[in-house]
Amino acid sequence: MRAIIGEDEAIVRLDLKEILTSAGYEVVGETGRGDEAVRLAQETRPDLAILDVKMPGLTGIQAAREITRDTQVAVIVLTAFSQRELIEEARDAGVAAYLVKPFRRDELLSALDSVLANCREEWAIDAEVASFASSATAAEDKITTRRVVDEAKAKLIAEGRLSEQEAFSFIQRTAMHTRTRMREIARQVIEGTLSP
């Protein structure tokens, strides 16, 4: 997994880089400026961007909006504040999650695993909807697909067969293998006519 870091405090940036590299991430860029984080994301095409809310050039939320506009990048914002308006603004800017500083190593890595898994699911559903639905029905189709897939995942998890990530992977792989929509595979799982 390739990552960029946008954090204006050098010591925090160094700590983030150490945590990421020790966990197997490749840090392909780091900066203390929001505008520079956008440039790094455009040049390096990372899977993940970790951005501080308060940076010179652009804020982390402004940078997130720019980064997620044209590319599929999981963005986590770091903040010293836990304000409702900030959370809503971050969500609207395409931020997948936020962490309140100071954070612990295990807390960060756990959040990254969850965020990346959720983003991969969203991107897979977006790709499927884009290939099957017209632009007029895409939003509704995505909501329906997400609801049915989540219900099928819950059934697979409840039956004790798979983790959440394994459940989604089963649905996605089966859909690709059978050239069927994930939504249809999920319905078969819910109806009990398909299982791993």
N, C-alpha and C. Protein backbone atom coordinates (compact mmCIF):
# COMPACT_ATOMS: atom_id res chain seq x y z
N MET A 1 0.84 -1.19 0.00
CA MET A 1 0.00 0.00 0.00
C MET A 1 0.88 1.24 0.00
N ARG A 2 0.54 2.16 -0.87
CA ARG A 2 1.30 3.40 -1.01
C ARG A 2 0.57 4.52 -0.27
N ALA A 3 1.33 5.33 0.45
CA ALA A 3 0.73 6.38 1.27
C ALA A 3 1.49 7.68 1.14
N ILE A 4 0.74 8.78 1.31
CA ILE A 4 1.37 10.09 1.46
C ILE A 4 0.93 10.64 2.82
N ILE A 5 1.78 11.51 3.37
CA ILE A 5 1.52 12.13 4.66
C ILE A 5 1.57 13.64 4.49
N GLY A 6 0.53 14.31 4.95
CA GLY A 6 0.49 15.77 4.98
C GLY A 6 0.30 16.21 6.43
N GLU A 7 1.36 16.62 7.06
CA GLU A 7 1.34 17.00 8.48
C GLU A 7 2.38 18.09 8.68
N ASP A 8 1.96 19.25 9.22
CA ASP A 8 2.90 20.36 9.34
C ASP A 8 3.84 20.24 10.54
N GLU A 9 3.56 19.37 11.48
CA GLU A 9 4.48 19.16 12.59
C GLU A 9 5.46 18.04 12.22
N ALA A 10 6.73 18.39 12.08
CA ALA A 10 7.74 17.45 11.60
C ALA A 10 7.85 16.20 12.46
N ILE A 11 7.74 16.35 13.77
CA ILE A 11 7.87 15.19 14.66
C ILE A 11 6.70 14.22 14.48
N VAL A 12 5.50 14.76 14.29
CA VAL A 12 4.32 13.90 14.06
C VAL A 12 4.45 13.23 12.70
N ARG A 13 4.91 13.98 11.71
CA ARG A 13 5.11 13.42 10.36
C ARG A 13 6.11 12.27 10.41
N LEU A 14 7.20 12.45 11.13
CA LEU A 14 8.21 11.40 11.27
C LEU A 14 7.63 10.18 11.98
N ASP A 15 6.84 10.41 13.02
CA ASP A 15 6.20 9.32 13.76
C ASP A 15 5.23 8.55 12.84
N LEU A 16 4.44 9.27 12.07
CA LEU A 16 3.51 8.63 11.14
C LEU A 16 4.26 7.77 10.11
N LYS A 17 5.33 8.33 9.58
CA LYS A 17 6.11 7.59 8.59
C LYS A 17 6.68 6.31 9.19
N GLU A 18 7.19 6.40 10.40
CA GLU A 18 7.75 5.22 11.06
C GLU A 18 6.68 4.15 11.29
N ILE A 19 5.51 4.58 11.75
CA ILE A 19 4.40 3.64 11.99
C ILE A 19 3.99 2.96 10.68
N LEU A 20 3.84 3.75 9.64
CA LEU A 20 3.39 3.20 8.35
C LEU A 20 4.42 2.24 7.76
N THR A 21 5.68 2.64 7.74
CA THR A 21 6.69 1.78 7.13
C THR A 21 6.87 0.49 7.93
N SER A 22 6.79 0.58 9.26
CA SER A 22 6.92 -0.63 10.07
C SER A 22 5.74 -1.57 9.87
N ALA A 23 4.61 -1.05 9.40
CA ALA A 23 3.42 -1.87 9.15
C ALA A 23 3.36 -2.34 7.70
N GLY A 24 4.39 -2.02 6.91
CA GLY A 24 4.45 -2.51 5.54
C GLY A 24 3.96 -1.55 4.47
N TYR A 25 3.60 -0.33 4.85
CA TYR A 25 3.19 0.68 3.88
C TYR A 25 4.43 1.29 3.23
N GLU A 26 4.29 1.72 2.00
CA GLU A 26 5.35 2.45 1.32
C GLU A 26 4.96 3.93 1.33
N VAL A 27 5.71 4.74 2.06
CA VAL A 27 5.42 6.18 2.10
C VAL A 27 6.09 6.80 0.88
N VAL A 28 5.26 7.23 -0.07
CA VAL A 28 5.78 7.74 -1.35
C VAL A 28 5.88 9.25 -1.38
N GLY A 29 5.47 9.91 -0.31
CA GLY A 29 5.60 11.36 -0.24
C GLY A 29 5.17 11.87 1.11
N GLU A 30 5.80 12.97 1.52
CA GLU A 30 5.43 13.60 2.79
C GLU A 30 5.69 15.10 2.67
N THR A 31 4.83 15.86 3.35
CA THR A 31 4.92 17.31 3.27
C THR A 31 4.27 17.93 4.50
N GLY A 32 4.54 19.20 4.70
CA GLY A 32 3.92 19.96 5.77
C GLY A 32 2.88 20.93 5.26
N ARG A 33 2.59 20.89 3.95
CA ARG A 33 1.66 21.83 3.33
C ARG A 33 0.52 21.09 2.62
N GLY A 34 -0.69 21.63 2.74
CA GLY A 34 -1.85 21.02 2.11
C GLY A 34 -1.79 21.06 0.60
N ASP A 35 -1.36 22.20 0.02
CA ASP A 35 -1.28 22.29 -1.44
C ASP A 35 -0.23 21.33 -2.00
N GLU A 36 0.83 21.13 -1.24
CA GLU A 36 1.88 20.20 -1.64
C GLU A 36 1.37 18.75 -1.54
N ALA A 37 0.50 18.48 -0.58
CA ALA A 37 -0.09 17.13 -0.45
C ALA A 37 -0.93 16.80 -1.68
N VAL A 38 -1.65 17.78 -2.19
CA VAL A 38 -2.45 17.57 -3.41
C VAL A 38 -1.53 17.24 -4.57
N ARG A 39 -0.45 17.99 -4.72
CA ARG A 39 0.50 17.74 -5.81
C ARG A 39 1.11 16.34 -5.67
N LEU A 40 1.50 15.97 -4.45
CA LEU A 40 2.07 14.63 -4.22
C LEU A 40 1.07 13.54 -4.59
N ALA A 41 -0.18 13.72 -4.22
CA ALA A 41 -1.21 12.72 -4.54
C ALA A 41 -1.39 12.58 -6.05
N GLN A 42 -1.37 13.70 -6.76
CA GLN A 42 -1.51 13.66 -8.22
C GLN A 42 -0.32 12.98 -8.88
N GLU A 43 0.87 13.21 -8.34
CA GLU A 43 2.08 12.63 -8.93
C GLU A 43 2.29 11.17 -8.58
N THR A 44 1.95 10.77 -7.35
CA THR A 44 2.31 9.43 -6.89
C THR A 44 1.16 8.44 -6.90
N ARG A 45 -0.08 8.91 -7.01
CA ARG A 45 -1.26 8.04 -7.01
C ARG A 45 -1.26 7.06 -5.84
N PRO A 46 -1.29 7.56 -4.61
CA PRO A 46 -1.25 6.67 -3.45
C PRO A 46 -2.60 5.98 -3.22
N ASP A 47 -2.58 4.96 -2.40
CA ASP A 47 -3.82 4.30 -1.97
C ASP A 47 -4.42 5.04 -0.77
N LEU A 48 -3.54 5.72 -0.03
CA LEU A 48 -3.91 6.33 1.23
C LEU A 48 -3.26 7.69 1.38
N ALA A 49 -4.01 8.64 1.94
CA ALA A 49 -3.46 9.95 2.29
C ALA A 49 -3.85 10.25 3.73
N ILE A 50 -2.86 10.56 4.55
CA ILE A 50 -3.11 10.97 5.93
C ILE A 50 -2.79 12.46 6.00
N LEU A 51 -3.81 13.26 6.35
CA LEU A 51 -3.68 14.71 6.31
C LEU A 51 -4.06 15.34 7.64
N ASP A 52 -3.26 16.29 8.09
CA ASP A 52 -3.61 17.08 9.26
C ASP A 52 -4.64 18.12 8.84
N VAL A 53 -5.56 18.45 9.73
CA VAL A 53 -6.58 19.44 9.40
C VAL A 53 -5.96 20.81 9.18
N LYS A 54 -5.06 21.21 10.05
CA LYS A 54 -4.49 22.56 9.96
C LYS A 54 -3.10 22.51 9.36
N MET A 55 -3.02 22.92 8.08
CA MET A 55 -1.74 23.01 7.38
C MET A 55 -1.73 24.30 6.58
N PRO A 56 -0.56 24.86 6.33
CA PRO A 56 -0.49 26.02 5.44
C PRO A 56 -0.74 25.60 3.99
N GLY A 57 -1.09 26.57 3.16
CA GLY A 57 -1.36 26.28 1.75
C GLY A 57 -2.82 25.93 1.54
N LEU A 58 -3.21 24.77 2.00
CA LEU A 58 -4.61 24.32 2.03
C LEU A 58 -4.81 23.57 3.34
N THR A 59 -6.00 23.63 3.89
CA THR A 59 -6.28 22.81 5.07
C THR A 59 -6.34 21.35 4.63
N GLY A 60 -6.30 20.45 5.59
CA GLY A 60 -6.41 19.03 5.27
C GLY A 60 -7.73 18.70 4.58
N ILE A 61 -8.79 19.38 4.97
CA ILE A 61 -10.10 19.12 4.36
C ILE A 61 -10.14 19.66 2.93
N GLN A 62 -9.58 20.84 2.69
CA GLN A 62 -9.50 21.36 1.32
C GLN A 62 -8.65 20.45 0.45
N ALA A 63 -7.53 19.99 1.00
CA ALA A 63 -6.66 19.08 0.25
C ALA A 63 -7.39 17.77 -0.05
N ALA A 64 -8.12 17.25 0.93
CA ALA A 64 -8.88 16.00 0.73
C ALA A 64 -9.87 16.15 -0.41
N ARG A 65 -10.56 17.29 -0.44
CA ARG A 65 -11.54 17.54 -1.51
C ARG A 65 -10.86 17.50 -2.88
N GLU A 66 -9.69 18.10 -2.98
CA GLU A 66 -8.95 18.11 -4.24
C GLU A 66 -8.44 16.71 -4.60
N ILE A 67 -7.94 16.00 -3.61
CA ILE A 67 -7.35 14.68 -3.84
C ILE A 67 -8.40 13.67 -4.27
N THR A 68 -9.56 13.69 -3.62
CA THR A 68 -10.58 12.68 -3.91
C THR A 68 -11.45 13.04 -5.11
N ARG A 69 -11.30 14.23 -5.64
CA ARG A 69 -12.13 14.66 -6.76
C ARG A 69 -11.92 13.77 -7.99
N ASP A 70 -10.69 13.42 -8.30
CA ASP A 70 -10.39 12.70 -9.53
C ASP A 70 -9.80 11.31 -9.33
N THR A 71 -9.47 10.94 -8.10
CA THR A 71 -8.81 9.66 -7.88
C THR A 71 -9.42 8.92 -6.70
N GLN A 72 -9.20 7.63 -6.69
CA GLN A 72 -9.66 6.82 -5.57
C GLN A 72 -8.53 6.72 -4.56
N VAL A 73 -8.61 7.56 -3.55
CA VAL A 73 -7.62 7.59 -2.48
C VAL A 73 -8.39 7.58 -1.16
N ALA A 74 -8.02 6.68 -0.27
CA ALA A 74 -8.61 6.67 1.07
C ALA A 74 -7.94 7.78 1.87
N VAL A 75 -8.72 8.73 2.38
CA VAL A 75 -8.16 9.87 3.11
C VAL A 75 -8.57 9.81 4.57
N ILE A 76 -7.58 9.90 5.44
CA ILE A 76 -7.80 10.02 6.88
C ILE A 76 -7.29 11.38 7.30
N VAL A 77 -8.10 12.09 8.07
CA VAL A 77 -7.72 13.41 8.55
C VAL A 77 -7.39 13.31 10.04
N LEU A 78 -6.29 13.93 10.41
CA LEU A 78 -5.87 14.02 11.82
C LEU A 78 -6.26 15.39 12.34
N THR A 79 -6.83 15.43 13.53
CA THR A 79 -7.23 16.69 14.11
C THR A 79 -7.05 16.68 15.62
N ALA A 80 -6.84 17.84 16.17
CA ALA A 80 -6.77 17.96 17.63
C ALA A 80 -8.16 18.27 18.18
N PHE A 81 -9.13 18.45 17.29
CA PHE A 81 -10.48 18.85 17.68
C PHE A 81 -11.49 17.78 17.26
N SER A 82 -12.58 17.71 17.99
CA SER A 82 -13.65 16.77 17.65
C SER A 82 -14.95 17.56 17.54
N GLN A 83 -15.01 18.46 16.57
CA GLN A 83 -16.17 19.32 16.40
C GLN A 83 -17.11 18.75 15.34
N ARG A 84 -18.40 18.81 15.61
CA ARG A 84 -19.41 18.26 14.71
C ARG A 84 -19.32 18.87 13.30
N GLU A 85 -19.18 20.19 13.23
CA GLU A 85 -19.11 20.85 11.92
C GLU A 85 -17.91 20.35 11.11
N LEU A 86 -16.80 20.16 11.81
CA LEU A 86 -15.58 19.68 11.18
C LEU A 86 -15.77 18.28 10.62
N ILE A 87 -16.43 17.44 11.38
CA ILE A 87 -16.69 16.06 10.95
C ILE A 87 -17.57 16.05 9.71
N GLU A 88 -18.62 16.86 9.70
CA GLU A 88 -19.52 16.91 8.55
C GLU A 88 -18.81 17.47 7.32
N GLU A 89 -18.01 18.51 7.52
CA GLU A 89 -17.25 19.09 6.41
C GLU A 89 -16.26 18.08 5.84
N ALA A 90 -15.61 17.32 6.72
CA ALA A 90 -14.65 16.30 6.29
C ALA A 90 -15.36 15.22 5.48
N ARG A 91 -16.49 14.75 5.95
CA ARG A 91 -17.25 13.73 5.22
C ARG A 91 -17.65 14.23 3.83
N ASP A 92 -18.12 15.47 3.74
CA ASP A 92 -18.52 16.04 2.45
C ASP A 92 -17.34 16.21 1.50
N ALA A 93 -16.13 16.29 2.06
CA ALA A 93 -14.92 16.47 1.24
C ALA A 93 -14.33 15.14 0.78
N GLY A 94 -14.98 14.03 1.12
CA GLY A 94 -14.48 12.73 0.69
C GLY A 94 -13.55 12.05 1.68
N VAL A 95 -13.50 12.57 2.91
CA VAL A 95 -12.65 11.98 3.94
C VAL A 95 -13.32 10.70 4.43
N ALA A 96 -12.55 9.62 4.47
CA ALA A 96 -13.08 8.32 4.89
C ALA A 96 -13.16 8.20 6.40
N ALA A 97 -12.26 8.86 7.12
CA ALA A 97 -12.26 8.79 8.58
C ALA A 97 -11.40 9.92 9.13
N TYR A 98 -11.55 10.15 10.42
CA TYR A 98 -10.67 11.11 11.08
C TYR A 98 -10.24 10.53 12.41
N LEU A 99 -9.06 10.92 12.84
CA LEU A 99 -8.52 10.50 14.13
C LEU A 99 -8.18 11.75 14.93
N VAL A 100 -8.50 11.71 16.22
CA VAL A 100 -8.17 12.83 17.09
C VAL A 100 -6.78 12.60 17.66
N LYS A 101 -5.93 13.64 17.56
CA LYS A 101 -4.58 13.58 18.11
C LYS A 101 -4.62 13.90 19.59
N PRO A 102 -3.77 13.32 20.38
CA PRO A 102 -2.76 12.33 20.00
C PRO A 102 -3.40 10.95 19.82
N PHE A 103 -2.80 10.13 18.98
CA PHE A 103 -3.31 8.80 18.69
C PHE A 103 -2.22 7.78 19.01
N ARG A 104 -2.64 6.55 19.23
CA ARG A 104 -1.69 5.47 19.47
C ARG A 104 -1.47 4.70 18.18
N ARG A 105 -0.34 4.03 18.10
CA ARG A 105 0.03 3.25 16.91
C ARG A 105 -1.05 2.24 16.54
N ASP A 106 -1.49 1.45 17.51
CA ASP A 106 -2.48 0.42 17.22
C ASP A 106 -3.82 1.02 16.81
N GLU A 107 -4.15 2.18 17.37
CA GLU A 107 -5.38 2.88 17.00
C GLU A 107 -5.31 3.33 15.53
N LEU A 108 -4.18 3.88 15.13
CA LEU A 108 -3.99 4.32 13.75
C LEU A 108 -4.06 3.14 12.78
N LEU A 109 -3.33 2.08 13.07
CA LEU A 109 -3.29 0.93 12.16
C LEU A 109 -4.66 0.25 12.05
N SER A 110 -5.38 0.19 13.15
CA SER A 110 -6.73 -0.38 13.13
C SER A 110 -7.65 0.47 12.26
N ALA A 111 -7.55 1.78 12.41
CA ALA A 111 -8.36 2.69 11.60
C ALA A 111 -8.01 2.55 10.12
N LEU A 112 -6.73 2.42 9.81
CA LEU A 112 -6.31 2.28 8.41
C LEU A 112 -6.88 1.01 7.79
N ASP A 113 -6.81 -0.10 8.52
CA ASP A 113 -7.36 -1.36 8.00
C ASP A 113 -8.84 -1.22 7.69
N SER A 114 -9.57 -0.64 8.61
CA SER A 114 -11.01 -0.47 8.45
C SER A 114 -11.33 0.47 7.29
N VAL A 115 -10.64 1.60 7.24
CA VAL A 115 -10.88 2.59 6.19
C VAL A 115 -10.57 2.03 4.81
N LEU A 116 -9.45 1.36 4.68
CA LEU A 116 -9.08 0.80 3.37
C LEU A 116 -10.06 -0.27 2.92
N ALA A 117 -10.51 -1.11 3.84
CA ALA A 117 -11.50 -2.14 3.49
C ALA A 117 -12.81 -1.49 3.04
N ASN A 118 -13.26 -0.49 3.79
CA ASN A 118 -14.50 0.20 3.43
C ASN A 118 -14.39 0.92 2.09
N CYS A 119 -13.26 1.57 1.87
CA CYS A 119 -13.05 2.29 0.60
C CYS A 119 -13.03 1.32 -0.58
N ARG A 120 -12.37 0.19 -0.41
CA ARG A 120 -12.33 -0.80 -1.50
C ARG A 120 -13.74 -1.28 -1.85
N GLU A 121 -14.56 -1.49 -0.83
CA GLU A 121 -15.95 -1.90 -1.07
C GLU A 121 -16.69 -0.81 -1.83
N GLU A 122 -16.58 0.42 -1.37
CA GLU A 122 -17.26 1.53 -2.04
C GLU A 122 -16.83 1.66 -3.49
N TRP A 123 -15.52 1.56 -3.73
CA TRP A 123 -15.01 1.69 -5.09
C TRP A 123 -15.51 0.55 -5.97
N ALA A 124 -15.57 -0.66 -5.42
CA ALA A 124 -16.05 -1.80 -6.20
C ALA A 124 -17.52 -1.62 -6.54
N ILE A 125 -18.32 -1.16 -5.58
CA ILE A 125 -19.74 -0.93 -5.85
C ILE A 125 -19.91 0.21 -6.84
N ASP A 126 -19.13 1.28 -6.69
CA ASP A 126 -19.19 2.40 -7.64
C ASP A 126 -18.88 1.92 -9.06
N ALA A 127 -17.86 1.09 -9.21
CA ALA A 127 -17.48 0.59 -10.53
C ALA A 127 -18.59 -0.27 -11.12
N GLU A 128 -19.18 -1.12 -10.30
CA GLU A 128 -20.27 -1.95 -10.80
C GLU A 128 -21.47 -1.12 -11.22
N VAL A 129 -21.86 -0.19 -10.37
CA VAL A 129 -23.00 0.66 -10.68
C VAL A 129 -22.74 1.46 -11.96
N ALA A 130 -21.53 1.97 -12.10
CA ALA A 130 -21.20 2.75 -13.30
C ALA A 130 -21.31 1.92 -14.57
N SER A 131 -21.04 0.64 -14.48
CA SER A 131 -21.09 -0.19 -15.68
C SER A 131 -22.50 -0.70 -15.99
N PHE A 132 -23.41 -0.65 -15.02
CA PHE A 132 -24.76 -1.18 -15.25
C PHE A 132 -25.87 -0.14 -15.25
N ALA A 133 -25.70 0.96 -14.54
CA ALA A 133 -26.80 1.91 -14.36
C ALA A 133 -26.58 3.17 -15.19
N SER A 134 -27.68 3.78 -15.59
CA SER A 134 -27.59 5.08 -16.25
C SER A 134 -27.28 6.12 -15.20
N SER A 135 -26.80 7.27 -15.62
CA SER A 135 -26.46 8.31 -14.64
C SER A 135 -27.68 8.76 -13.85
N ALA A 136 -28.87 8.65 -14.46
CA ALA A 136 -30.09 9.07 -13.78
C ALA A 136 -30.45 8.13 -12.63
N THR A 137 -30.10 6.87 -12.75
CA THR A 137 -30.47 5.90 -11.72
C THR A 137 -29.28 5.44 -10.87
N ALA A 138 -28.10 5.97 -11.11
CA ALA A 138 -26.88 5.49 -10.44
C ALA A 138 -26.95 5.63 -8.92
N ALA A 139 -27.41 6.77 -8.41
CA ALA A 139 -27.43 6.97 -6.96
C ALA A 139 -28.37 5.96 -6.30
N GLU A 140 -29.54 5.79 -6.86
CA GLU A 140 -30.51 4.83 -6.30
C GLU A 140 -29.97 3.41 -6.41
N ASP A 141 -29.35 3.08 -7.53
CA ASP A 141 -28.78 1.75 -7.75
C ASP A 141 -27.68 1.47 -6.73
N LYS A 142 -26.86 2.47 -6.45
CA LYS A 142 -25.78 2.30 -5.48
C LYS A 142 -26.33 2.03 -4.09
N ILE A 143 -27.36 2.77 -3.70
CA ILE A 143 -27.97 2.58 -2.38
C ILE A 143 -28.55 1.18 -2.26
N THR A 144 -29.25 0.73 -3.30
CA THR A 144 -29.84 -0.61 -3.29
C THR A 144 -28.76 -1.67 -3.23
N THR A 145 -27.74 -1.52 -4.05
CA THR A 145 -26.64 -2.49 -4.07
C THR A 145 -25.95 -2.54 -2.71
N ARG A 146 -25.65 -1.38 -2.13
CA ARG A 146 -24.98 -1.31 -0.82
C ARG A 146 -25.83 -2.01 0.24
N ARG A 147 -27.15 -1.75 0.25
CA ARG A 147 -28.04 -2.34 1.26
C ARG A 147 -28.06 -3.87 1.15
N VAL A 148 -28.20 -4.38 -0.06
CA VAL A 148 -28.28 -5.83 -0.27
C VAL A 148 -26.93 -6.50 0.05
N VAL A 149 -25.84 -5.90 -0.38
CA VAL A 149 -24.52 -6.45 -0.10
C VAL A 149 -24.26 -6.45 1.42
N ASP A 150 -24.61 -5.38 2.10
CA ASP A 150 -24.42 -5.32 3.56
C ASP A 150 -25.25 -6.40 4.27
N GLU A 151 -26.47 -6.62 3.80
CA GLU A 151 -27.32 -7.66 4.39
C GLU A 151 -26.71 -9.05 4.18
N ALA A 152 -26.19 -9.30 2.99
CA ALA A 152 -25.55 -10.59 2.70
C ALA A 152 -24.29 -10.77 3.54
N LYS A 153 -23.49 -9.72 3.68
CA LYS A 153 -22.28 -9.79 4.52
C LYS A 153 -22.67 -10.12 5.95
N ALA A 154 -23.70 -9.46 6.45
CA ALA A 154 -24.14 -9.69 7.82
C ALA A 154 -24.56 -11.15 8.02
N LYS A 155 -25.23 -11.71 7.02
CA LYS A 155 -25.65 -13.12 7.12
C LYS A 155 -24.43 -14.04 7.16
N LEU A 156 -23.47 -13.80 6.28
CA LEU A 156 -22.27 -14.63 6.25
C LEU A 156 -21.47 -14.53 7.54
N ILE A 157 -21.42 -13.33 8.11
CA ILE A 157 -20.71 -13.12 9.38
C ILE A 157 -21.46 -13.81 10.52
N ALA A 158 -22.80 -13.63 10.56
CA ALA A 158 -23.61 -14.20 11.64
C ALA A 158 -23.54 -15.72 11.65
N GLU A 159 -23.44 -16.30 10.48
CA GLU A 159 -23.36 -17.76 10.40
C GLU A 159 -21.97 -18.26 10.79
N GLY A 160 -21.09 -17.31 11.10
CA GLY A 160 -19.77 -17.66 11.61
C GLY A 160 -18.81 -18.20 10.57
N ARG A 161 -19.12 -17.94 9.33
CA ARG A 161 -18.27 -18.48 8.27
C ARG A 161 -17.12 -17.56 7.90
N LEU A 162 -17.39 -16.26 7.86
CA LEU A 162 -16.40 -15.34 7.31
C LEU A 162 -16.32 -14.05 8.13
N SER A 163 -15.17 -13.38 8.01
CA SER A 163 -15.04 -12.03 8.55
C SER A 163 -15.74 -11.08 7.58
N GLU A 164 -15.87 -9.82 7.96
CA GLU A 164 -16.53 -8.85 7.08
C GLU A 164 -15.78 -8.72 5.76
N GLN A 165 -14.48 -8.64 5.83
CA GLN A 165 -13.67 -8.50 4.62
C GLN A 165 -13.77 -9.75 3.75
N GLU A 166 -13.74 -10.92 4.36
CA GLU A 166 -13.86 -12.17 3.61
C GLU A 166 -15.24 -12.29 2.97
N ALA A 167 -16.27 -11.84 3.68
CA ALA A 167 -17.63 -11.90 3.15
C ALA A 167 -17.76 -11.05 1.90
N PHE A 168 -17.25 -9.82 1.96
CA PHE A 168 -17.33 -8.97 0.77
C PHE A 168 -16.50 -9.55 -0.37
N SER A 169 -15.33 -10.05 -0.05
CA SER A 169 -14.47 -10.64 -1.06
C SER A 169 -15.16 -11.82 -1.75
N PHE A 170 -15.86 -12.65 -0.98
CA PHE A 170 -16.60 -13.78 -1.55
C PHE A 170 -17.66 -13.28 -2.53
N ILE A 171 -18.41 -12.27 -2.13
CA ILE A 171 -19.46 -11.73 -2.99
C ILE A 171 -18.86 -11.14 -4.27
N GLN A 172 -17.80 -10.37 -4.11
CA GLN A 172 -17.17 -9.71 -5.26
C GLN A 172 -16.55 -10.73 -6.22
N ARG A 173 -15.80 -11.69 -5.69
CA ARG A 173 -15.15 -12.70 -6.54
C ARG A 173 -16.18 -13.57 -7.27
N THR A 174 -17.24 -13.96 -6.56
CA THR A 174 -18.27 -14.78 -7.17
C THR A 174 -18.96 -14.02 -8.29
N ALA A 175 -19.22 -12.74 -8.07
CA ALA A 175 -19.85 -11.91 -9.11
C ALA A 175 -18.95 -11.83 -10.35
N MET A 176 -17.66 -11.62 -10.13
CA MET A 176 -16.74 -11.53 -11.27
C MET A 176 -16.64 -12.86 -12.00
N HIS A 177 -16.55 -13.94 -11.23
CA HIS A 177 -16.39 -15.28 -11.82
C HIS A 177 -17.62 -15.68 -12.64
N THR A 178 -18.81 -15.33 -12.14
CA THR A 178 -20.05 -15.72 -12.82
C THR A 178 -20.58 -14.64 -13.76
N ARG A 179 -19.85 -13.51 -13.82
CA ARG A 179 -20.28 -12.37 -14.64
C ARG A 179 -21.69 -11.91 -14.27
N THR A 180 -21.90 -11.83 -12.97
CA THR A 180 -23.18 -11.41 -12.40
C THR A 180 -22.92 -10.21 -11.51
N ARG A 181 -23.93 -9.40 -11.32
CA ARG A 181 -23.78 -8.25 -10.43
C ARG A 181 -23.63 -8.70 -8.98
N MET A 182 -22.88 -7.94 -8.22
CA MET A 182 -22.72 -8.24 -6.80
C MET A 182 -24.07 -8.26 -6.09
N ARG A 183 -24.95 -7.39 -6.51
CA ARG A 183 -26.28 -7.33 -5.90
C ARG A 183 -27.02 -8.66 -6.06
N GLU A 184 -26.89 -9.28 -7.22
CA GLU A 184 -27.56 -10.57 -7.45
C GLU A 184 -26.92 -11.68 -6.62
N ILE A 185 -25.61 -11.68 -6.54
CA ILE A 185 -24.92 -12.67 -5.71
C ILE A 185 -25.34 -12.50 -4.26
N ALA A 186 -25.41 -11.25 -3.80
CA ALA A 186 -25.82 -10.97 -2.43
C ALA A 186 -27.24 -11.47 -2.17
N ARG A 187 -28.12 -11.28 -3.12
CA ARG A 187 -29.50 -11.78 -2.96
C ARG A 187 -29.52 -13.30 -2.82
N GLN A 188 -28.69 -13.98 -3.59
CA GLN A 188 -28.62 -15.44 -3.49
C GLN A 188 -28.11 -15.86 -2.11
N VAL A 189 -27.15 -15.13 -1.57
CA VAL A 189 -26.65 -15.42 -0.23
C VAL A 189 -27.78 -15.24 0.78
N ILE A 190 -28.52 -14.14 0.68
CA ILE A 190 -29.61 -13.83 1.60
C ILE A 190 -30.69 -14.92 1.53
N GLU A 191 -31.01 -15.35 0.30
CA GLU A 191 -32.04 -16.38 0.10
C GLU A 191 -31.57 -17.78 0.52
N GLY A 192 -30.27 -17.92 0.72
CA GLY A 192 -29.73 -19.21 1.14
C GLY A 192 -29.42 -20.15 0.00
N THR A 193 -29.45 -19.66 -1.24
CA THR A 193 -29.15 -20.52 -2.39
C THR A 193 -27.67 -20.50 -2.77
N LEU A 194 -26.90 -19.66 -2.09
CA LEU A 194 -25.46 -19.57 -2.36
C LEU A 194 -24.71 -19.38 -1.06
N SER A 195 -23.64 -20.12 -0.88
CA SER A 195 -22.80 -19.94 0.29
C SER A 195 -21.36 -20.29 -0.08
N PRO A 196 -20.40 -19.85 0.72
CA PRO A 196 -19.00 -20.13 0.40
C PRO A 196 -18.68 -21.62 0.48
